[in-house]
Protein backbone atom coordinates (compact mmCIF):
# COMPACT_ATOMS: atom_id res chain seq x y z
CA MET A 1 61.94 89.03 108.79
CA GLU A 2 64.92 88.83 106.44
CA ILE A 3 63.99 92.19 104.88
CA GLU A 4 64.08 93.86 108.29
CA MET A 5 67.43 92.16 108.98
CA ALA A 6 68.80 93.44 105.66
CA ILE A 7 67.80 96.99 106.59
CA LEU A 8 69.44 96.67 110.02
CA PHE A 9 72.69 95.39 108.53
CA GLY A 10 72.55 98.18 105.97
CA LEU A 11 72.46 100.70 108.82
CA LEU A 12 75.25 98.79 110.54
CA GLY A 13 77.43 99.24 107.45
CA LEU A 14 76.44 102.89 107.06
CA LEU A 15 77.41 104.19 110.52
CA PRO A 16 81.10 103.15 110.65
CA THR A 17 81.66 104.62 107.19
CA LEU A 18 80.17 107.98 108.15
CA ALA A 19 82.28 108.03 111.31
CA LEU A 20 85.59 106.88 109.80
CA ILE A 21 85.87 108.83 106.54
CA PRO A 22 86.34 112.27 108.18
CA LEU A 23 89.11 110.76 110.33
CA ILE A 24 90.78 109.11 107.33
CA ARG A 25 90.62 112.37 105.36
CA ARG A 26 92.25 114.38 108.12
CA LYS A 27 94.98 111.79 108.60
CA ALA A 28 95.68 111.49 104.87
CA LEU A 29 95.70 115.23 104.23
CA ALA A 30 98.13 115.72 107.09
CA GLY A 31 100.42 112.91 105.96
CA SER A 32 101.70 111.25 102.83
CA GLY A 33 98.34 109.99 101.62
CA VAL A 34 97.85 113.11 99.52
CA GLU A 35 100.94 112.40 97.46
CA ALA A 36 99.46 109.10 96.28
CA ALA A 37 96.46 110.97 94.96
CA ARG A 38 98.47 113.04 92.52
CA MET A 39 98.05 110.90 89.42
CA PHE A 40 98.64 112.24 85.90
CA HIS A 41 95.03 111.57 84.82
CA GLN A 42 93.50 112.97 88.00
CA THR A 43 91.11 115.85 87.26
CA HIS A 44 90.93 117.39 90.75
CA VAL A 45 92.85 120.59 91.40
CA THR A 46 92.87 120.17 95.19
CA PRO A 47 94.43 117.05 96.75
CA VAL A 48 91.99 114.19 97.39
CA PRO A 49 92.98 111.19 99.57
CA ARG A 50 92.49 107.75 98.00
CA PHE A 51 92.09 105.65 101.13
CA GLY A 52 88.28 105.54 101.26
CA GLY A 53 88.35 101.77 100.87
CA LEU A 54 89.70 101.51 104.40
CA ALA A 55 86.35 102.71 105.80
CA LEU A 56 84.51 100.14 103.65
CA ALA A 57 86.78 97.33 104.86
CA VAL A 58 86.22 98.25 108.51
CA SER A 59 82.46 98.41 107.93
CA LEU A 60 82.53 94.97 106.30
CA LEU A 61 84.48 93.58 109.25
CA VAL A 62 81.97 95.06 111.71
CA VAL A 63 79.08 93.54 109.76
CA ALA A 64 80.74 90.10 109.75
CA VAL A 65 81.50 90.18 113.49
CA VAL A 66 77.98 91.31 114.42
CA ALA A 67 76.51 88.58 112.22
CA VAL A 68 78.47 85.98 114.19
CA VAL A 69 77.38 87.44 117.52
CA VAL A 70 73.71 87.79 116.59
CA GLN A 71 73.21 84.61 114.56
CA GLY A 72 75.83 82.37 116.15
CA THR A 73 78.68 80.51 114.55
CA ALA A 74 76.22 78.23 112.78
CA ALA A 75 75.54 81.08 110.37
CA PHE A 76 79.12 80.73 109.09
CA SER A 77 80.33 77.68 107.26
CA VAL A 78 84.02 77.18 106.47
CA SER A 79 83.45 78.59 102.99
CA GLY A 80 81.48 81.47 104.50
CA LEU A 81 84.32 82.42 106.82
CA MET A 82 86.70 82.15 103.89
CA LEU A 83 84.46 84.51 101.94
CA ALA A 84 84.81 87.30 104.51
CA LEU A 85 88.56 86.76 104.96
CA ALA A 86 89.21 86.56 101.22
CA THR A 87 87.33 89.84 100.68
CA LEU A 88 89.59 91.55 103.20
CA ALA A 89 92.63 89.90 101.60
CA MET A 90 91.67 91.29 98.18
CA PHE A 91 91.22 94.70 99.78
CA LEU A 92 94.74 94.48 101.22
CA VAL A 93 96.17 93.79 97.75
CA GLY A 94 94.67 97.04 96.48
CA PHE A 95 95.39 98.98 99.67
CA TRP A 96 99.06 97.99 99.51
CA ASP A 97 99.14 99.41 95.99
CA ASP A 98 97.52 102.63 97.25
CA CYS A 99 100.29 103.01 99.82
CA ARG A 100 103.16 101.76 97.65
CA PRO A 101 102.67 100.84 93.95
CA LEU A 102 103.04 97.11 93.34
CA GLY A 103 102.91 97.05 89.56
CA ALA A 104 100.31 95.37 87.35
CA ARG A 105 101.89 91.90 87.40
CA ARG A 106 102.14 91.67 91.18
CA LYS A 107 98.59 92.92 91.63
CA LEU A 108 97.28 90.39 89.13
CA ALA A 109 99.26 87.61 90.83
CA GLY A 110 97.75 88.59 94.18
CA GLN A 111 94.24 88.61 92.73
CA VAL A 112 94.68 85.18 91.15
CA LEU A 113 96.05 83.78 94.42
CA VAL A 114 93.05 85.04 96.41
CA ALA A 115 90.66 83.67 93.76
CA LEU A 116 92.35 80.24 93.95
CA LEU A 117 91.99 80.21 97.73
CA VAL A 118 88.29 80.96 97.32
CA TYR A 119 87.94 78.05 94.89
CA ALA A 120 89.78 75.74 97.30
CA ALA A 121 87.39 76.79 100.09
CA GLY A 122 84.40 75.59 98.04
CA SER A 123 83.04 78.77 96.47
CA GLN A 124 83.35 77.78 92.84
CA ILE A 125 81.72 77.65 89.46
CA SER A 126 81.63 73.91 88.89
CA SER A 127 78.74 73.48 86.48
CA PHE A 128 76.58 75.34 84.03
CA LYS A 129 72.81 75.08 83.79
CA ASN A 130 71.05 75.87 80.51
CA PRO A 131 68.23 78.26 81.53
CA PHE A 132 66.07 77.13 78.59
CA THR A 133 66.33 73.33 78.83
CA GLY A 134 67.34 72.93 82.47
CA GLU A 135 70.20 70.62 81.48
CA VAL A 136 73.28 70.87 83.72
CA TYR A 137 76.80 70.62 82.28
CA SER A 138 79.74 69.81 84.54
CA LEU A 139 82.77 72.03 83.96
CA GLY A 140 85.32 69.71 85.56
CA TYR A 141 88.77 71.26 85.78
CA TRP A 142 87.53 74.15 83.61
CA GLY A 143 85.66 75.24 86.71
CA ILE A 144 88.94 76.49 88.22
CA LEU A 145 89.57 78.73 85.22
CA ALA A 146 85.96 79.93 85.15
CA THR A 147 85.99 80.78 88.87
CA VAL A 148 89.31 82.62 88.78
CA PHE A 149 88.40 84.51 85.61
CA TRP A 150 85.02 85.58 87.00
CA ILE A 151 86.43 86.83 90.30
CA VAL A 152 89.44 88.61 88.79
CA ALA A 153 87.33 90.19 86.04
CA MET A 154 84.75 91.54 88.49
CA THR A 155 87.50 92.77 90.82
CA ASN A 156 89.17 94.79 88.07
CA LEU A 157 85.97 95.97 86.42
CA ILE A 158 85.00 98.27 89.29
CA ASN A 159 88.56 99.60 89.48
CA LEU A 160 88.67 100.37 85.76
CA ILE A 161 85.45 102.42 85.79
CA ASP A 162 86.56 104.39 88.86
CA GLY A 163 87.52 107.42 86.79
CA ILE A 164 84.98 110.03 87.83
CA ASP A 165 83.58 111.04 91.21
CA GLY A 166 80.76 108.83 92.44
CA LEU A 167 80.62 106.47 89.45
CA ALA A 168 82.18 103.27 90.82
CA ALA A 169 80.58 103.68 94.26
CA GLY A 170 77.15 104.35 92.72
CA VAL A 171 77.32 101.35 90.41
CA GLY A 172 78.59 99.24 93.33
CA LEU A 173 75.64 100.39 95.46
CA MET A 174 73.16 99.30 92.78
CA MET A 175 74.86 95.91 92.56
CA MET A 176 74.78 95.42 96.33
CA VAL A 177 71.05 96.18 96.40
CA LEU A 178 70.55 93.61 93.64
CA LEU A 179 72.66 91.02 95.50
CA THR A 180 70.82 91.69 98.76
CA TYR A 181 67.53 91.02 97.00
CA ALA A 182 68.94 87.84 95.46
CA SER A 183 70.36 86.71 98.82
CA ILE A 184 67.05 86.76 100.67
CA GLY A 185 66.24 83.14 101.37
CA ALA A 186 69.62 81.94 100.04
CA GLY A 187 71.61 82.18 103.28
CA ASN A 188 72.42 84.55 106.13
CA LEU A 189 76.01 85.45 105.34
CA PRO A 190 75.60 86.64 101.72
CA MET A 191 72.65 88.81 102.71
CA CYS A 192 74.48 90.31 105.70
CA LEU A 193 77.56 91.21 103.66
CA SER A 194 75.73 92.62 100.65
CA ALA A 195 73.28 94.63 102.79
CA GLY A 196 76.10 95.90 105.00
CA MET A 197 78.17 96.93 101.99
CA ALA A 198 75.14 98.66 100.44
CA GLY A 199 74.86 100.78 103.58
CA ALA A 200 78.62 101.43 103.63
CA LEU A 201 78.58 102.58 99.99
CA LEU A 202 75.63 104.85 100.66
CA GLY A 203 77.65 106.54 103.40
CA PHE A 204 80.73 106.66 101.19
CA LEU A 205 78.79 108.38 98.39
CA TYR A 206 78.05 111.24 100.77
CA PHE A 207 81.77 112.06 100.58
CA ASN A 208 82.48 110.77 97.06
CA PHE A 209 79.70 112.41 95.05
CA PRO A 210 81.03 115.29 92.90
CA PRO A 211 83.08 117.09 93.98
CA ALA A 212 84.67 114.15 95.80
CA LYS A 213 86.35 114.62 99.16
CA ILE A 214 87.83 111.11 99.13
CA TYR A 215 88.46 108.33 96.59
CA LEU A 216 87.92 104.59 96.81
CA GLY A 217 91.49 103.85 95.81
CA ASP A 218 92.45 100.43 94.47
CA GLY A 219 91.68 98.91 97.87
CA GLY A 220 88.06 100.07 97.88
CA ALA A 221 87.49 99.25 94.21
CA TYR A 222 88.95 95.76 94.63
CA LEU A 223 86.83 95.14 97.71
CA ILE A 224 83.59 96.08 95.91
CA GLY A 225 84.41 94.19 92.72
CA PHE A 226 85.56 91.06 94.55
CA LEU A 227 82.47 91.07 96.75
CA ILE A 228 80.26 91.30 93.66
CA GLY A 229 82.09 88.37 92.08
CA ILE A 230 82.06 86.11 95.13
CA LEU A 231 78.48 86.86 96.17
CA THR A 232 77.16 86.05 92.70
CA ILE A 233 78.88 82.67 92.96
CA GLU A 234 77.49 82.08 96.47
CA ASN A 235 73.99 82.97 95.29
CA SER A 236 74.15 80.85 92.16
CA GLN A 237 72.88 77.79 94.03
CA LYS A 238 75.93 75.63 94.73
CA GLY A 239 77.94 76.54 91.65
CA THR A 240 75.25 76.02 88.97
CA VAL A 241 75.60 79.04 86.71
CA VAL A 242 72.06 80.25 86.05
CA ALA A 243 70.39 83.63 86.30
CA MET A 244 72.52 84.79 89.23
CA LEU A 245 75.66 84.95 87.09
CA ILE A 246 73.84 86.36 84.08
CA ALA A 247 72.05 89.14 85.99
CA PRO A 248 75.24 91.05 86.95
CA LEU A 249 76.29 91.09 83.31
CA PHE A 250 73.08 92.99 82.54
CA ALA A 251 73.45 95.35 85.49
CA LEU A 252 77.08 96.09 84.58
CA ALA A 253 76.54 96.13 80.81
CA LEU A 254 77.59 99.76 80.31
CA PRO A 255 80.82 99.56 82.37
CA ILE A 256 81.67 96.21 80.75
CA ALA A 257 81.25 97.64 77.24
CA ASP A 258 83.31 100.69 78.16
CA VAL A 259 86.14 98.67 79.67
CA VAL A 260 86.28 96.11 76.84
CA LEU A 261 86.52 98.81 74.19
CA ALA A 262 89.09 100.75 76.24
CA ILE A 263 91.25 97.62 76.54
CA LEU A 264 90.96 96.99 72.80
CA ARG A 265 91.91 100.57 71.95
CA ARG A 266 94.92 100.46 74.27
CA GLY A 267 96.01 97.13 72.88
CA LEU A 268 95.77 98.38 69.29
CA LYS A 269 97.79 101.45 70.23
CA GLY A 270 100.49 99.35 71.85
CA LEU A 271 99.77 100.64 75.36
CA PRO A 272 99.47 98.59 78.57
CA ILE A 273 95.83 97.51 78.82
CA PHE A 274 95.52 98.71 82.43
CA ARG A 275 97.05 102.11 81.71
CA PRO A 276 94.58 104.84 82.77
CA ASP A 277 93.46 107.37 80.19
CA LYS A 278 90.81 109.98 79.50
CA ASN A 279 88.98 108.13 76.74
CA HIS A 280 86.32 106.39 78.83
CA LEU A 281 82.67 107.17 78.15
CA HIS A 282 82.37 109.42 81.19
CA HIS A 283 85.34 111.43 79.93
CA ARG A 284 83.57 111.75 76.57
CA LEU A 285 80.54 113.15 78.34
CA LEU A 286 82.71 115.69 80.14
CA ALA A 287 84.35 116.63 76.84
CA THR A 288 80.94 117.35 75.27
CA GLY A 289 80.12 119.91 77.96
CA PHE A 290 78.40 117.94 80.72
CA SER A 291 79.46 118.66 84.30
CA HIS A 292 80.83 115.92 86.56
CA THR A 293 77.50 115.70 88.36
CA GLN A 294 75.50 115.50 85.12
CA ALA A 295 77.81 112.82 83.70
CA VAL A 296 77.49 110.68 86.83
CA LEU A 297 73.69 111.06 86.90
CA ILE A 298 73.47 110.05 83.23
CA PHE A 299 75.45 106.89 83.99
CA TYR A 300 73.29 106.24 87.04
CA GLY A 301 70.17 106.51 84.89
CA ILE A 302 71.42 104.13 82.21
CA SER A 303 72.77 101.70 84.83
CA LEU A 304 69.42 101.77 86.63
CA VAL A 305 67.67 100.68 83.42
CA PHE A 306 70.13 97.82 83.10
CA LEU A 307 69.61 96.97 86.78
CA LEU A 308 65.86 96.58 86.17
CA MET A 309 66.67 94.27 83.27
CA SER A 310 68.88 92.18 85.56
CA LEU A 311 65.96 91.88 88.00
CA GLY A 312 63.91 90.58 85.09
CA VAL A 313 66.59 87.93 84.49
CA LEU A 314 66.33 86.88 88.16
CA TRP A 315 62.53 86.81 88.25
CA SER A 316 62.34 84.69 85.10
CA GLN A 317 65.33 82.50 86.04
CA GLY A 318 66.83 83.33 82.64
CA ARG A 319 63.75 82.47 80.57
CA TRP A 320 63.32 86.11 79.48
CA LEU A 321 66.96 86.33 78.46
CA PRO A 322 66.44 86.69 74.65
CA ILE A 323 63.81 89.43 75.10
CA LEU A 324 65.84 91.30 77.70
CA PHE A 325 68.98 91.02 75.60
CA GLY A 326 67.09 92.68 72.75
CA PHE A 327 66.07 95.53 75.07
CA LEU A 328 69.67 95.77 76.24
CA CYS A 329 70.92 96.27 72.67
CA LEU A 330 68.17 98.79 71.97
CA THR A 331 69.11 100.78 75.08
CA PHE A 332 72.72 100.82 73.97
CA ILE A 333 71.78 102.17 70.56
CA ILE A 334 69.51 104.88 71.99
CA SER A 335 72.13 105.91 74.56
CA ALA A 336 74.89 105.98 71.94
CA ARG A 337 72.87 108.34 69.73
CA ALA A 338 71.60 110.55 72.55
CA PHE A 339 74.93 111.05 74.36
CA GLU A 340 77.36 110.58 71.44
CA PHE A 341 78.82 107.39 72.90
CA SER A 342 78.96 106.02 69.36
CA ARG A 343 81.91 108.28 68.58
CA ALA A 344 83.89 106.56 71.32
CA TRP A 345 82.68 103.06 70.54
CA PHE A 346 83.14 103.21 66.79
CA SER A 347 86.44 105.10 66.92
CA LEU A 348 87.85 101.62 67.43
CA GLY A 349 87.63 101.17 63.65
CA ARG A 350 89.76 104.25 63.03
CA VAL A 351 92.32 103.05 65.54
CA LEU A 352 92.43 99.66 63.81
CA GLY A 353 93.16 101.36 60.49
CA ASN A 354 96.47 102.81 61.67
CA SER A 355 97.15 100.31 64.43
CA LEU A 356 100.61 99.19 63.25
CA GLU A 357 102.00 102.72 62.99
CA MET A 358 100.41 103.71 66.31
CA ARG A 359 101.81 100.64 68.10
CA ASN A 360 105.34 101.29 66.85
CA GLU A 361 105.22 104.94 67.86
CA SER A 362 103.74 104.02 71.25
CA GLN A 363 106.46 101.50 72.03
CA TYR A 364 109.14 104.03 71.08
CA ALA A 365 107.54 106.80 73.18
CA LEU A 366 107.09 104.49 76.18
CA ALA A 367 110.75 103.43 75.96
CA LEU A 368 111.78 107.09 76.03
CA SER A 369 109.43 107.66 78.97
CA ARG A 370 111.04 104.88 81.00
CA TRP A 371 114.47 106.31 80.17
CA LEU A 372 113.41 109.76 81.38
CA GLU A 373 112.16 108.33 84.70
CA LEU A 374 115.54 106.69 85.29
CA GLU A 375 117.39 109.80 84.20
CA ALA A 376 115.37 111.87 86.68
CA GLU A 377 117.11 110.11 89.56
CA ARG A 378 120.42 111.51 88.29
CA CYS A 379 119.19 115.10 88.00
CA ASP A 380 119.46 117.59 90.81
CA SER A 381 116.98 120.21 89.58
CA VAL A 382 113.93 120.70 87.39
CA GLU A 383 116.09 122.72 85.00
CA ALA A 384 118.44 119.76 84.53
CA LEU A 385 115.49 117.41 84.06
CA TRP A 386 113.97 119.78 81.48
CA ASP A 387 117.19 119.59 79.52
CA GLU A 388 116.84 115.79 79.37
CA PHE A 389 113.15 116.11 78.54
CA GLY A 390 114.15 118.11 75.47
CA PHE A 391 115.86 115.00 74.12
CA LEU A 392 112.56 113.09 74.41
CA LEU A 393 110.66 115.92 72.70
CA ARG A 394 113.13 116.03 69.82
CA LYS A 395 112.97 112.26 69.30
CA LEU A 396 109.16 112.41 69.12
CA ASP A 397 109.44 115.16 66.47
CA PHE A 398 107.75 117.94 68.42
CA ALA A 399 108.60 121.53 67.49
CA ARG A 400 108.29 123.52 70.69
CA ALA A 401 107.37 123.12 74.34
CA ARG A 402 107.02 125.31 77.39
CA LEU A 403 106.68 124.57 81.10
CA THR A 404 105.19 127.16 83.46
CA SER A 405 104.73 127.03 87.21
CA ASN A 406 104.52 129.42 90.13
CA ALA A 407 108.31 129.56 90.16
CA GLY A 408 108.78 130.60 86.55
CA GLU A 409 109.05 129.26 83.04
CA LEU A 410 111.18 126.95 80.87
CA ALA A 411 110.97 126.75 77.10
CA TRP A 412 112.38 124.44 74.46
CA GLN A 413 112.55 124.55 70.66
CA HIS A 414 113.61 121.88 68.19
CA PRO A 415 116.94 123.03 66.72
CA GLY A 416 116.16 121.58 63.30
CA GLN A 417 112.60 122.85 62.85
CA PRO A 418 111.42 126.41 62.20
CA ALA A 419 108.85 128.03 64.47
CA PRO A 420 105.41 126.93 63.24
CA GLN A 421 103.50 129.65 61.44
CA VAL A 422 100.13 127.99 61.94
CA GLU A 423 99.97 126.11 65.23
CA LYS A 424 97.30 123.51 64.51
CA LEU A 425 98.92 120.75 66.57
CA ARG A 426 98.97 122.08 70.13
CA HIS A 427 98.14 120.63 73.53
CA VAL A 428 98.22 122.13 77.01
CA HIS A 429 98.54 119.62 79.84
CA HIS A 430 97.84 120.62 83.43
CA ILE A 431 100.14 118.59 85.66
CA ARG A 432 99.76 118.28 89.42
CA ALA A 433 102.90 116.64 90.73
CA VAL A 434 104.76 118.21 93.63
CA GLU A 435 103.32 121.55 92.55
CA PRO A 436 100.90 122.62 89.77
CA MET A 437 102.56 122.94 86.36
CA THR A 438 101.35 123.65 82.84
CA LEU A 439 103.10 121.87 79.98
CA GLU A 440 102.44 123.14 76.44
CA ILE A 441 103.53 120.94 73.52
CA ILE A 442 103.42 122.05 69.86
CA ALA A 443 104.20 120.27 66.59
CA ASN A 444 104.45 121.76 63.12
CA SER A 445 101.31 121.46 61.04
CA GLY A 446 101.63 118.41 58.80
CA ALA A 447 104.48 116.90 60.81
CA MET A 448 102.26 114.04 61.93
CA PRO A 449 98.56 113.05 61.92
CA THR A 450 96.45 114.80 64.53
CA ARG A 451 95.50 111.56 66.30
CA LEU A 452 99.16 110.55 66.54
CA PHE A 453 100.08 113.97 67.93
CA ASP A 454 97.32 113.74 70.55
CA HIS A 455 98.55 110.29 71.52
CA LEU A 456 102.27 111.11 71.71
CA SER A 457 101.64 114.42 73.43
CA GLU A 458 99.79 112.65 76.25
CA ILE A 459 102.58 110.08 76.65
CA ALA A 460 105.19 112.86 76.77
CA ALA A 461 103.22 114.83 79.38
CA GLU A 462 102.77 111.72 81.53
CA ALA A 463 106.49 110.99 81.20
CA TRP A 464 107.29 114.47 82.52
CA HIS A 465 104.85 114.02 85.40
CA LYS A 466 106.43 110.72 86.48
CA ALA A 467 109.93 112.08 86.06
CA VAL A 468 109.22 115.09 88.28
CA LEU A 469 107.94 112.76 90.99
CA ARG A 470 111.13 110.70 90.65
CA LEU A 471 113.21 113.86 90.87
CA GLY A 472 111.88 114.52 94.36
CA SER A 473 113.46 117.99 94.60
CA ALA A 474 110.98 120.03 92.61
CA PRO A 475 109.87 122.39 95.41
CA SER A 476 113.38 123.73 95.99
CA SER A 477 114.69 123.40 92.44
CA THR A 478 111.86 125.23 90.71
CA ALA A 479 113.15 128.44 92.18
CA SER A 480 115.87 128.28 89.54
CA LEU A 481 113.39 128.54 86.69
CA SER A 482 113.84 131.78 84.81
CA ARG A 483 110.90 134.15 84.95
CA SER A 484 109.27 135.11 81.72
CA SER A 485 106.09 136.60 80.35
CA PRO A 486 102.70 135.01 81.11
CA PRO A 487 101.59 132.06 78.96
CA PRO A 488 100.15 133.16 75.60
CA ALA A 489 96.55 132.67 74.61
CA ASN A 490 95.52 129.90 72.24
CA GLY A 491 97.32 130.16 68.95
CA ALA A 492 99.78 132.82 70.14
CA ALA A 493 103.45 132.27 69.37
CA LEU A 494 105.79 131.18 72.10
CA PRO A 495 108.72 133.38 73.08
CA GLU A 496 112.24 132.23 72.35
CA ALA A 497 113.67 129.54 74.59
CA SER A 498 114.28 130.93 78.05
CA VAL A 499 116.72 128.15 78.91
CA ALA A 500 119.47 127.33 76.45
CA PRO A 501 119.87 123.61 75.79
CA LYS A 502 123.11 122.05 77.02
CA ARG A 503 123.44 119.84 73.97
CA ALA A 504 122.04 119.70 70.48
CA GLY A 505 118.39 118.77 70.50
CA GLY A 506 118.11 119.17 74.25
């Protein structure tokens, strides 16, 4: 009977999502929602709204209301009602950031506050059960820290892997199927919510699979991650941490490994740990020649293997944990060799080798970036902003740069460096701010290590992107850009500066 009910609630979550997403897309494309989608690390050429989480939240609300009507209020305890409300509250934290950026500290504070409310309502990790001996250990006040850490970590995990079309939603769908299975017999509310969200994510994937027509946004990613975290606690049999909290770690092993290593690399480079980049494993797959669809399917395949292992953890109540952990490590090794993940994972050692120099350079570049954003508010044209950007380029020891757009071209050259004869250090960044732009940055061969150039070039390009958005007058001001010849092919020399700097080094 519960299986049939799970299927019905899955359909109940599916239908609102299919109906709402086309409406949300039309509204966002016609309004300001498109502007929020223009992130520096976004790979889409056409605008894609990032409010897909709104459809998931409405579907979840519909599922919760129908569960009350069908099963009666007895199906909802005080903690159960808090579960549904807290999930929507976590969604609102992310959705607010989608509409108007809150900043990392405020978002983290909001997440911690919601997690504390969940703990106060009775959904908590209060003890730990050894799956081998059956002995239960009380966590005492440490249970507060364990509960908050678990919920916040799961909430951010889904958001951090949401870097390629269909990946976060697909992994979330697998987790909801696993949680629905685990919820059968454990209570009505967890099963209704997980089954309903599985159906909602299935409908969302219809629009999010490559090429995506809509994104989850922070709101959608937070909703999925938080629901995974809270449902695992609810299904862990009154706070005793057994197989139900271990199983998700198996199912999410690949995203967890990717996120941990990304955070370590960013920390060693002196970058904010939540700063997005293009060094995740799925980006590595794209760089090796796989299409977006192929990369997502590869991750689905590996995640499905890990999902089957997590089912083994549930079936055995943790007794098979050593054997399954061995298979997990073996799968990692095989995947790393087959898809060249090892280059990404073990590049951490190379980063560690020059960590101090990289951190110092990063902090200096980020300080210049923040200055440029503030300076943009005092500029009245892209040409004036480009003049200020030249100061940043000179301080980072680049040799030449050129900006091209539909309106024309701007070029800059370091006054104290000769034109490079062999352009080995060169990057072209495609920037989609108010309008598409191409930013080419070149450094003299031997001026700096290649890895440092790649790193600083990306920071400089992101700084320009943010500054143009701060400028706010790019559509009208770009008309002042002087026209020049088309961009040269790879390795071709740049023409002389088409805009004379207003001060030395500018």
